[in-house]
N, C-alpha and C. Protein backbone atom coordinates (compact mmCIF):
# COMPACT_ATOMS: atom_id res chain seq x y z
N MET A 1 -25.03 -32.43 -9.76
CA MET A 1 -24.91 -31.43 -10.80
C MET A 1 -23.59 -30.69 -10.63
N LEU A 2 -23.09 -30.16 -11.71
CA LEU A 2 -21.82 -29.46 -11.73
C LEU A 2 -22.06 -27.99 -12.05
N ALA A 3 -21.36 -27.11 -11.32
CA ALA A 3 -21.41 -25.67 -11.60
C ALA A 3 -19.98 -25.15 -11.69
N SER A 4 -19.79 -24.13 -12.51
CA SER A 4 -18.46 -23.58 -12.72
C SER A 4 -18.54 -22.05 -12.78
N LEU A 5 -17.67 -21.39 -12.00
CA LEU A 5 -17.60 -19.93 -11.98
C LEU A 5 -16.15 -19.50 -12.06
N ASN A 6 -15.95 -18.23 -12.32
CA ASN A 6 -14.60 -17.68 -12.45
C ASN A 6 -14.28 -16.74 -11.31
N THR A 7 -13.03 -16.76 -10.89
CA THR A 7 -12.48 -15.79 -9.97
C THR A 7 -11.02 -15.59 -10.34
N LEU A 8 -10.29 -14.93 -9.49
CA LEU A 8 -8.86 -14.70 -9.74
C LEU A 8 -8.09 -14.95 -8.47
N VAL A 9 -6.79 -15.15 -8.60
CA VAL A 9 -5.92 -15.32 -7.46
C VAL A 9 -4.73 -14.39 -7.64
N ILE A 10 -4.25 -13.84 -6.54
CA ILE A 10 -3.06 -12.98 -6.58
C ILE A 10 -1.84 -13.89 -6.57
N ASN A 11 -0.95 -13.64 -7.52
CA ASN A 11 0.30 -14.39 -7.63
C ASN A 11 1.41 -13.36 -7.74
N GLY A 12 2.04 -13.03 -6.61
CA GLY A 12 3.01 -11.94 -6.58
C GLY A 12 2.26 -10.62 -6.69
N ILE A 13 2.61 -9.81 -7.70
CA ILE A 13 1.90 -8.55 -7.89
C ILE A 13 0.87 -8.65 -9.01
N TYR A 14 0.73 -9.84 -9.56
CA TYR A 14 -0.20 -10.07 -10.66
C TYR A 14 -1.38 -10.93 -10.20
N ALA A 15 -2.38 -10.98 -11.02
CA ALA A 15 -3.52 -11.86 -10.76
C ALA A 15 -3.67 -12.83 -11.91
N GLN A 16 -4.20 -14.01 -11.60
CA GLN A 16 -4.43 -15.02 -12.62
C GLN A 16 -5.83 -15.57 -12.47
N PRO A 17 -6.50 -15.87 -13.58
CA PRO A 17 -7.84 -16.45 -13.50
C PRO A 17 -7.82 -17.84 -12.86
N VAL A 18 -8.88 -18.13 -12.13
CA VAL A 18 -9.07 -19.42 -11.49
C VAL A 18 -10.51 -19.85 -11.75
N LYS A 19 -10.69 -21.11 -12.08
CA LYS A 19 -12.02 -21.69 -12.28
C LYS A 19 -12.43 -22.37 -10.98
N VAL A 20 -13.61 -22.03 -10.47
CA VAL A 20 -14.17 -22.66 -9.29
C VAL A 20 -15.23 -23.65 -9.78
N GLU A 21 -14.95 -24.94 -9.63
CA GLU A 21 -15.86 -25.99 -10.06
C GLU A 21 -16.47 -26.64 -8.82
N VAL A 22 -17.79 -26.74 -8.81
CA VAL A 22 -18.50 -27.33 -7.68
C VAL A 22 -19.31 -28.52 -8.17
N ASP A 23 -19.11 -29.66 -7.53
CA ASP A 23 -19.84 -30.87 -7.89
C ASP A 23 -20.53 -31.41 -6.64
N LEU A 24 -21.83 -31.71 -6.76
CA LEU A 24 -22.58 -32.34 -5.69
C LEU A 24 -22.73 -33.81 -6.03
N GLN A 25 -22.39 -34.67 -5.07
CA GLN A 25 -22.44 -36.10 -5.30
C GLN A 25 -23.25 -36.78 -4.21
N THR A 26 -23.71 -37.98 -4.50
CA THR A 26 -24.36 -38.77 -3.47
C THR A 26 -23.29 -39.32 -2.55
N GLY A 27 -23.68 -39.67 -1.36
CA GLY A 27 -22.75 -40.20 -0.39
C GLY A 27 -22.89 -39.46 0.93
N LEU A 28 -22.03 -39.78 1.87
CA LEU A 28 -22.07 -39.12 3.16
C LEU A 28 -21.79 -37.63 3.00
N PRO A 29 -22.48 -36.78 3.74
CA PRO A 29 -22.25 -35.34 3.64
C PRO A 29 -20.79 -34.99 3.96
N ALA A 30 -20.20 -34.20 3.10
CA ALA A 30 -18.82 -33.74 3.27
C ALA A 30 -18.63 -32.51 2.42
N PHE A 31 -17.62 -31.74 2.73
CA PHE A 31 -17.29 -30.53 1.97
C PHE A 31 -15.78 -30.57 1.73
N GLU A 32 -15.39 -30.98 0.54
CA GLU A 32 -13.98 -31.12 0.18
C GLU A 32 -13.55 -29.95 -0.69
N LEU A 33 -12.41 -29.35 -0.34
CA LEU A 33 -11.85 -28.24 -1.09
C LEU A 33 -10.50 -28.69 -1.63
N VAL A 34 -10.37 -28.80 -2.96
CA VAL A 34 -9.13 -29.29 -3.57
C VAL A 34 -8.59 -28.25 -4.56
N GLY A 35 -7.32 -28.39 -4.88
CA GLY A 35 -6.70 -27.48 -5.85
C GLY A 35 -5.65 -26.59 -5.23
N LEU A 36 -4.86 -27.13 -4.31
CA LEU A 36 -3.75 -26.42 -3.66
C LEU A 36 -4.23 -25.21 -2.86
N ALA A 37 -5.32 -25.43 -2.11
CA ALA A 37 -5.88 -24.37 -1.26
C ALA A 37 -5.08 -24.28 0.04
N GLN A 38 -4.71 -23.08 0.44
CA GLN A 38 -3.97 -22.87 1.67
C GLN A 38 -4.92 -22.89 2.87
N ALA A 39 -4.37 -22.86 4.08
CA ALA A 39 -5.16 -23.04 5.31
C ALA A 39 -6.29 -22.02 5.44
N ALA A 40 -6.02 -20.75 5.18
CA ALA A 40 -7.06 -19.72 5.33
C ALA A 40 -8.22 -19.96 4.38
N LEU A 41 -7.93 -20.48 3.21
CA LEU A 41 -8.99 -20.76 2.24
C LEU A 41 -9.83 -21.95 2.69
N LYS A 42 -9.20 -22.91 3.36
CA LYS A 42 -9.96 -24.06 3.85
C LYS A 42 -11.00 -23.65 4.89
N GLU A 43 -10.78 -22.51 5.55
CA GLU A 43 -11.77 -21.99 6.50
C GLU A 43 -13.02 -21.49 5.79
N ALA A 44 -12.96 -21.34 4.49
CA ALA A 44 -14.12 -20.90 3.71
C ALA A 44 -15.29 -21.85 3.90
N ARG A 45 -15.03 -23.11 4.17
CA ARG A 45 -16.11 -24.08 4.37
C ARG A 45 -17.13 -23.60 5.39
N GLU A 46 -16.63 -23.16 6.52
CA GLU A 46 -17.53 -22.73 7.59
C GLU A 46 -18.22 -21.41 7.26
N ARG A 47 -17.48 -20.47 6.68
CA ARG A 47 -18.09 -19.18 6.30
C ARG A 47 -19.18 -19.40 5.26
N VAL A 48 -18.88 -20.19 4.24
CA VAL A 48 -19.83 -20.44 3.15
C VAL A 48 -21.07 -21.16 3.67
N LYS A 49 -20.88 -22.15 4.49
CA LYS A 49 -22.01 -22.92 5.02
C LYS A 49 -22.95 -22.00 5.82
N SER A 50 -22.40 -21.22 6.72
CA SER A 50 -23.22 -20.30 7.52
C SER A 50 -23.87 -19.23 6.66
N ALA A 51 -23.13 -18.68 5.72
CA ALA A 51 -23.66 -17.62 4.87
C ALA A 51 -24.84 -18.13 4.03
N ILE A 52 -24.72 -19.33 3.50
CA ILE A 52 -25.82 -19.90 2.69
C ILE A 52 -27.06 -20.07 3.57
N LYS A 53 -26.89 -20.67 4.74
CA LYS A 53 -28.03 -20.91 5.64
C LYS A 53 -28.67 -19.60 6.09
N ASN A 54 -27.82 -18.62 6.48
CA ASN A 54 -28.34 -17.36 7.00
C ASN A 54 -28.84 -16.42 5.93
N SER A 55 -28.67 -16.78 4.67
CA SER A 55 -29.22 -16.00 3.56
C SER A 55 -30.55 -16.58 3.09
N GLY A 56 -31.05 -17.60 3.79
CA GLY A 56 -32.35 -18.16 3.45
C GLY A 56 -32.31 -19.32 2.48
N TYR A 57 -31.12 -19.83 2.17
CA TYR A 57 -30.99 -20.99 1.29
C TYR A 57 -30.70 -22.23 2.12
N GLU A 58 -30.76 -23.37 1.48
CA GLU A 58 -30.49 -24.63 2.15
C GLU A 58 -29.09 -25.10 1.77
N PHE A 59 -28.29 -25.43 2.79
CA PHE A 59 -26.98 -25.99 2.50
C PHE A 59 -27.18 -27.47 2.18
N PRO A 60 -26.73 -27.93 1.00
CA PRO A 60 -27.00 -29.32 0.58
C PRO A 60 -26.41 -30.34 1.54
N ASN A 61 -27.19 -31.33 1.87
CA ASN A 61 -26.76 -32.41 2.73
C ASN A 61 -26.21 -33.55 1.87
N ARG A 62 -25.18 -33.21 1.11
CA ARG A 62 -24.57 -34.16 0.16
C ARG A 62 -23.06 -34.00 0.21
N LYS A 63 -22.37 -34.80 -0.55
CA LYS A 63 -20.94 -34.64 -0.68
C LYS A 63 -20.68 -33.51 -1.67
N ILE A 64 -19.97 -32.49 -1.23
CA ILE A 64 -19.66 -31.32 -2.05
C ILE A 64 -18.16 -31.30 -2.31
N ILE A 65 -17.80 -31.28 -3.58
CA ILE A 65 -16.39 -31.17 -3.95
C ILE A 65 -16.20 -29.85 -4.69
N VAL A 66 -15.30 -29.04 -4.19
CA VAL A 66 -14.96 -27.76 -4.82
C VAL A 66 -13.53 -27.87 -5.32
N ASN A 67 -13.37 -27.72 -6.63
CA ASN A 67 -12.04 -27.76 -7.24
C ASN A 67 -11.67 -26.35 -7.70
N LEU A 68 -10.46 -25.93 -7.34
CA LEU A 68 -9.94 -24.63 -7.77
C LEU A 68 -8.84 -24.90 -8.80
N ALA A 69 -9.14 -24.60 -10.05
CA ALA A 69 -8.23 -24.92 -11.14
C ALA A 69 -7.61 -23.65 -11.72
N PRO A 70 -6.34 -23.68 -12.05
CA PRO A 70 -5.46 -24.84 -12.18
C PRO A 70 -4.97 -25.32 -10.80
N ALA A 71 -4.83 -26.62 -10.69
CA ALA A 71 -4.50 -27.25 -9.41
C ALA A 71 -3.06 -26.98 -8.96
N ASP A 72 -2.17 -26.65 -9.88
CA ASP A 72 -0.77 -26.45 -9.50
C ASP A 72 -0.45 -25.03 -9.06
N LEU A 73 -1.43 -24.15 -8.96
CA LEU A 73 -1.23 -22.76 -8.55
C LEU A 73 -1.74 -22.59 -7.12
N LYS A 74 -0.88 -22.10 -6.22
CA LYS A 74 -1.30 -21.91 -4.83
C LYS A 74 -2.43 -20.88 -4.76
N LYS A 75 -3.43 -21.21 -3.94
CA LYS A 75 -4.55 -20.30 -3.75
C LYS A 75 -4.66 -19.97 -2.28
N GLU A 76 -4.76 -18.67 -1.99
CA GLU A 76 -4.97 -18.25 -0.62
C GLU A 76 -5.84 -16.99 -0.62
N GLY A 77 -6.49 -16.78 0.50
CA GLY A 77 -7.33 -15.61 0.64
C GLY A 77 -8.79 -15.98 0.80
N SER A 78 -9.55 -15.03 1.29
CA SER A 78 -10.97 -15.26 1.55
C SER A 78 -11.86 -14.82 0.40
N HIS A 79 -11.28 -14.27 -0.64
CA HIS A 79 -12.09 -13.75 -1.76
C HIS A 79 -12.74 -14.85 -2.59
N PHE A 80 -12.40 -16.10 -2.36
CA PHE A 80 -13.01 -17.23 -3.06
C PHE A 80 -14.41 -17.55 -2.54
N ASP A 81 -14.75 -17.05 -1.35
CA ASP A 81 -16.03 -17.39 -0.69
C ASP A 81 -17.23 -17.20 -1.60
N LEU A 82 -17.33 -16.04 -2.23
CA LEU A 82 -18.51 -15.72 -3.04
C LEU A 82 -18.69 -16.72 -4.18
N ALA A 83 -17.63 -17.00 -4.92
CA ALA A 83 -17.72 -17.94 -6.04
C ALA A 83 -18.07 -19.35 -5.57
N ILE A 84 -17.50 -19.75 -4.43
CA ILE A 84 -17.81 -21.09 -3.89
C ILE A 84 -19.27 -21.18 -3.49
N ALA A 85 -19.77 -20.18 -2.78
CA ALA A 85 -21.18 -20.20 -2.35
C ALA A 85 -22.12 -20.19 -3.55
N LEU A 86 -21.86 -19.36 -4.52
CA LEU A 86 -22.71 -19.32 -5.71
C LEU A 86 -22.64 -20.65 -6.46
N GLY A 87 -21.47 -21.25 -6.52
CA GLY A 87 -21.33 -22.56 -7.16
C GLY A 87 -22.17 -23.62 -6.48
N ILE A 88 -22.19 -23.60 -5.16
CA ILE A 88 -23.00 -24.57 -4.41
C ILE A 88 -24.48 -24.33 -4.68
N LEU A 89 -24.90 -23.08 -4.70
CA LEU A 89 -26.32 -22.77 -4.95
C LEU A 89 -26.72 -23.13 -6.37
N LEU A 90 -25.82 -22.94 -7.33
CA LEU A 90 -26.10 -23.33 -8.71
C LEU A 90 -26.14 -24.85 -8.86
N ALA A 91 -25.16 -25.53 -8.27
CA ALA A 91 -25.09 -26.99 -8.39
C ALA A 91 -26.28 -27.66 -7.72
N SER A 92 -26.80 -27.06 -6.66
CA SER A 92 -27.96 -27.63 -5.97
C SER A 92 -29.27 -27.11 -6.55
N GLU A 93 -29.17 -26.37 -7.64
CA GLU A 93 -30.32 -25.84 -8.38
C GLU A 93 -31.21 -24.93 -7.53
N GLN A 94 -30.61 -24.24 -6.59
CA GLN A 94 -31.34 -23.24 -5.80
C GLN A 94 -31.32 -21.88 -6.49
N LEU A 95 -30.40 -21.69 -7.41
CA LEU A 95 -30.37 -20.52 -8.27
C LEU A 95 -30.68 -21.00 -9.66
N PRO A 96 -31.54 -20.30 -10.38
CA PRO A 96 -32.05 -20.83 -11.65
C PRO A 96 -31.13 -20.73 -12.86
N ASN A 97 -30.28 -19.75 -12.93
CA ASN A 97 -29.53 -19.51 -14.17
C ASN A 97 -28.03 -19.67 -13.97
N THR A 98 -27.40 -20.21 -14.97
CA THR A 98 -25.95 -20.28 -15.00
C THR A 98 -25.42 -18.89 -15.35
N PRO A 99 -24.43 -18.38 -14.61
CA PRO A 99 -23.92 -17.04 -14.91
C PRO A 99 -23.19 -17.00 -16.25
N ASN A 100 -23.10 -15.82 -16.77
CA ASN A 100 -22.35 -15.54 -17.98
C ASN A 100 -20.91 -16.03 -17.81
N PRO A 101 -20.35 -16.75 -18.77
CA PRO A 101 -18.97 -17.26 -18.62
C PRO A 101 -17.92 -16.14 -18.58
N ASP A 102 -18.31 -14.92 -18.91
CA ASP A 102 -17.38 -13.79 -18.83
C ASP A 102 -17.48 -13.06 -17.49
N MET A 103 -18.19 -13.64 -16.54
CA MET A 103 -18.32 -13.03 -15.22
C MET A 103 -17.26 -13.60 -14.27
N PHE A 104 -16.73 -12.72 -13.44
CA PHE A 104 -15.76 -13.10 -12.42
C PHE A 104 -16.30 -12.61 -11.08
N TRP A 105 -16.03 -13.38 -10.02
CA TRP A 105 -16.59 -13.11 -8.70
C TRP A 105 -15.47 -13.08 -7.67
N ALA A 106 -15.53 -12.12 -6.74
CA ALA A 106 -14.56 -12.07 -5.64
C ALA A 106 -15.23 -11.40 -4.45
N GLY A 107 -15.12 -12.02 -3.29
CA GLY A 107 -15.67 -11.42 -2.08
C GLY A 107 -15.65 -12.40 -0.93
N GLU A 108 -15.36 -11.89 0.24
CA GLU A 108 -15.43 -12.70 1.47
C GLU A 108 -16.85 -12.62 2.01
N LEU A 109 -17.36 -13.74 2.45
CA LEU A 109 -18.70 -13.78 3.04
C LEU A 109 -18.62 -13.69 4.56
N SER A 110 -19.50 -12.87 5.12
CA SER A 110 -19.65 -12.91 6.58
C SER A 110 -20.62 -14.03 6.90
N LEU A 111 -20.76 -14.37 8.15
CA LEU A 111 -21.63 -15.47 8.52
C LEU A 111 -23.09 -15.18 8.21
N ASP A 112 -23.46 -13.90 8.13
CA ASP A 112 -24.86 -13.56 7.81
C ASP A 112 -25.10 -13.47 6.31
N GLY A 113 -24.07 -13.70 5.50
CA GLY A 113 -24.21 -13.70 4.05
C GLY A 113 -23.85 -12.40 3.37
N SER A 114 -23.52 -11.38 4.14
CA SER A 114 -23.12 -10.11 3.51
C SER A 114 -21.67 -10.22 3.03
N LEU A 115 -21.31 -9.30 2.12
CA LEU A 115 -19.97 -9.32 1.54
C LEU A 115 -19.04 -8.36 2.27
N ARG A 116 -17.84 -8.84 2.52
CA ARG A 116 -16.79 -8.03 3.12
C ARG A 116 -15.74 -7.70 2.07
N THR A 117 -15.10 -6.57 2.24
CA THR A 117 -14.05 -6.18 1.30
C THR A 117 -12.89 -7.17 1.38
N VAL A 118 -12.16 -7.26 0.28
CA VAL A 118 -11.01 -8.15 0.20
C VAL A 118 -9.82 -7.39 -0.38
N PRO A 119 -8.61 -7.79 -0.02
CA PRO A 119 -7.44 -7.15 -0.61
C PRO A 119 -7.18 -7.68 -2.02
N GLY A 120 -6.48 -6.89 -2.83
CA GLY A 120 -6.03 -7.35 -4.13
C GLY A 120 -6.97 -7.11 -5.28
N ILE A 121 -8.00 -6.32 -5.10
CA ILE A 121 -8.96 -6.08 -6.18
C ILE A 121 -8.30 -5.32 -7.35
N LEU A 122 -7.42 -4.38 -7.06
CA LEU A 122 -6.80 -3.61 -8.14
C LEU A 122 -6.00 -4.51 -9.10
N PRO A 123 -5.11 -5.38 -8.64
CA PRO A 123 -4.42 -6.24 -9.60
C PRO A 123 -5.37 -7.19 -10.34
N MET A 124 -6.46 -7.59 -9.68
CA MET A 124 -7.44 -8.43 -10.36
C MET A 124 -8.11 -7.66 -11.48
N CYS A 125 -8.48 -6.41 -11.21
CA CYS A 125 -9.10 -5.57 -12.24
C CYS A 125 -8.15 -5.34 -13.41
N LEU A 126 -6.88 -5.08 -13.09
CA LEU A 126 -5.89 -4.84 -14.14
C LEU A 126 -5.72 -6.09 -15.02
N GLU A 127 -5.71 -7.28 -14.41
CA GLU A 127 -5.61 -8.53 -15.18
C GLU A 127 -6.81 -8.68 -16.11
N LEU A 128 -7.99 -8.42 -15.61
CA LEU A 128 -9.19 -8.56 -16.43
C LEU A 128 -9.23 -7.53 -17.55
N LEU A 129 -8.79 -6.31 -17.26
CA LEU A 129 -8.74 -5.28 -18.31
C LEU A 129 -7.80 -5.68 -19.43
N GLN A 130 -6.69 -6.32 -19.06
CA GLN A 130 -5.69 -6.70 -20.05
C GLN A 130 -6.09 -7.97 -20.81
N SER A 131 -6.56 -9.00 -20.10
CA SER A 131 -6.78 -10.29 -20.75
C SER A 131 -8.22 -10.53 -21.18
N LYS A 132 -9.18 -9.93 -20.50
CA LYS A 132 -10.60 -10.14 -20.80
C LYS A 132 -11.35 -8.82 -20.63
N PRO A 133 -11.14 -7.88 -21.53
CA PRO A 133 -11.71 -6.53 -21.35
C PRO A 133 -13.23 -6.47 -21.37
N ASP A 134 -13.90 -7.48 -21.91
CA ASP A 134 -15.36 -7.47 -21.94
C ASP A 134 -15.97 -8.21 -20.75
N SER A 135 -15.15 -8.61 -19.79
CA SER A 135 -15.67 -9.37 -18.66
C SER A 135 -16.41 -8.47 -17.67
N ILE A 136 -17.17 -9.11 -16.80
CA ILE A 136 -17.91 -8.44 -15.73
C ILE A 136 -17.33 -8.94 -14.42
N PHE A 137 -16.98 -8.02 -13.53
CA PHE A 137 -16.33 -8.38 -12.28
C PHE A 137 -17.24 -7.99 -11.12
N ILE A 138 -17.75 -8.97 -10.40
CA ILE A 138 -18.63 -8.74 -9.27
C ILE A 138 -17.78 -8.75 -8.00
N ILE A 139 -17.81 -7.63 -7.26
CA ILE A 139 -16.98 -7.46 -6.07
C ILE A 139 -17.82 -6.87 -4.94
N PRO A 140 -17.30 -6.88 -3.71
CA PRO A 140 -18.02 -6.26 -2.60
C PRO A 140 -18.12 -4.74 -2.81
N PRO A 141 -19.20 -4.15 -2.33
CA PRO A 141 -19.35 -2.69 -2.48
C PRO A 141 -18.19 -1.91 -1.88
N GLY A 142 -17.59 -2.41 -0.81
CA GLY A 142 -16.48 -1.73 -0.18
C GLY A 142 -15.22 -1.69 -1.02
N ASN A 143 -15.15 -2.48 -2.07
CA ASN A 143 -13.99 -2.49 -2.97
C ASN A 143 -14.23 -1.65 -4.23
N SER A 144 -15.38 -1.02 -4.35
CA SER A 144 -15.71 -0.33 -5.60
C SER A 144 -14.78 0.85 -5.91
N GLN A 145 -14.36 1.57 -4.89
CA GLN A 145 -13.46 2.71 -5.15
C GLN A 145 -12.10 2.21 -5.64
N GLU A 146 -11.58 1.15 -5.06
CA GLU A 146 -10.32 0.56 -5.52
C GLU A 146 -10.45 0.08 -6.97
N ALA A 147 -11.56 -0.57 -7.28
CA ALA A 147 -11.78 -1.08 -8.63
C ALA A 147 -11.91 0.04 -9.65
N ALA A 148 -12.42 1.18 -9.23
CA ALA A 148 -12.60 2.31 -10.15
C ALA A 148 -11.26 2.90 -10.61
N TRP A 149 -10.21 2.70 -9.84
CA TRP A 149 -8.89 3.20 -10.25
C TRP A 149 -8.49 2.57 -11.54
């Protein structure tokens, strides 16, 4: 099954929307992250896997492909964790509903599944206010004061 969620990436002082696409396939278990992901983002595999398991869900024993589109835009940072984890849970049908396409997600996952604050929320909020003013932005509670600016 395929799941798709929205997040943003910081590009200089601006933010740009990114689509997180998760596909579960048959085959040997693997977790592939594609779409010009930098080294720190590739570490999301371990954080996401532990967070899913420690939150009471099952990590799928299948081939997981996560695409971050557009592929030609460099992606770095830990704020992709939340969207990746939710995409895996949606694709494996452990969560029942597909999120609203106007929702955006950003947050680093701790190994126990809780959300940690991330840098760059203000430029992400400004981008959404300008380009998608009716969108909903889900962020860690620790970033709420920054987002309120």
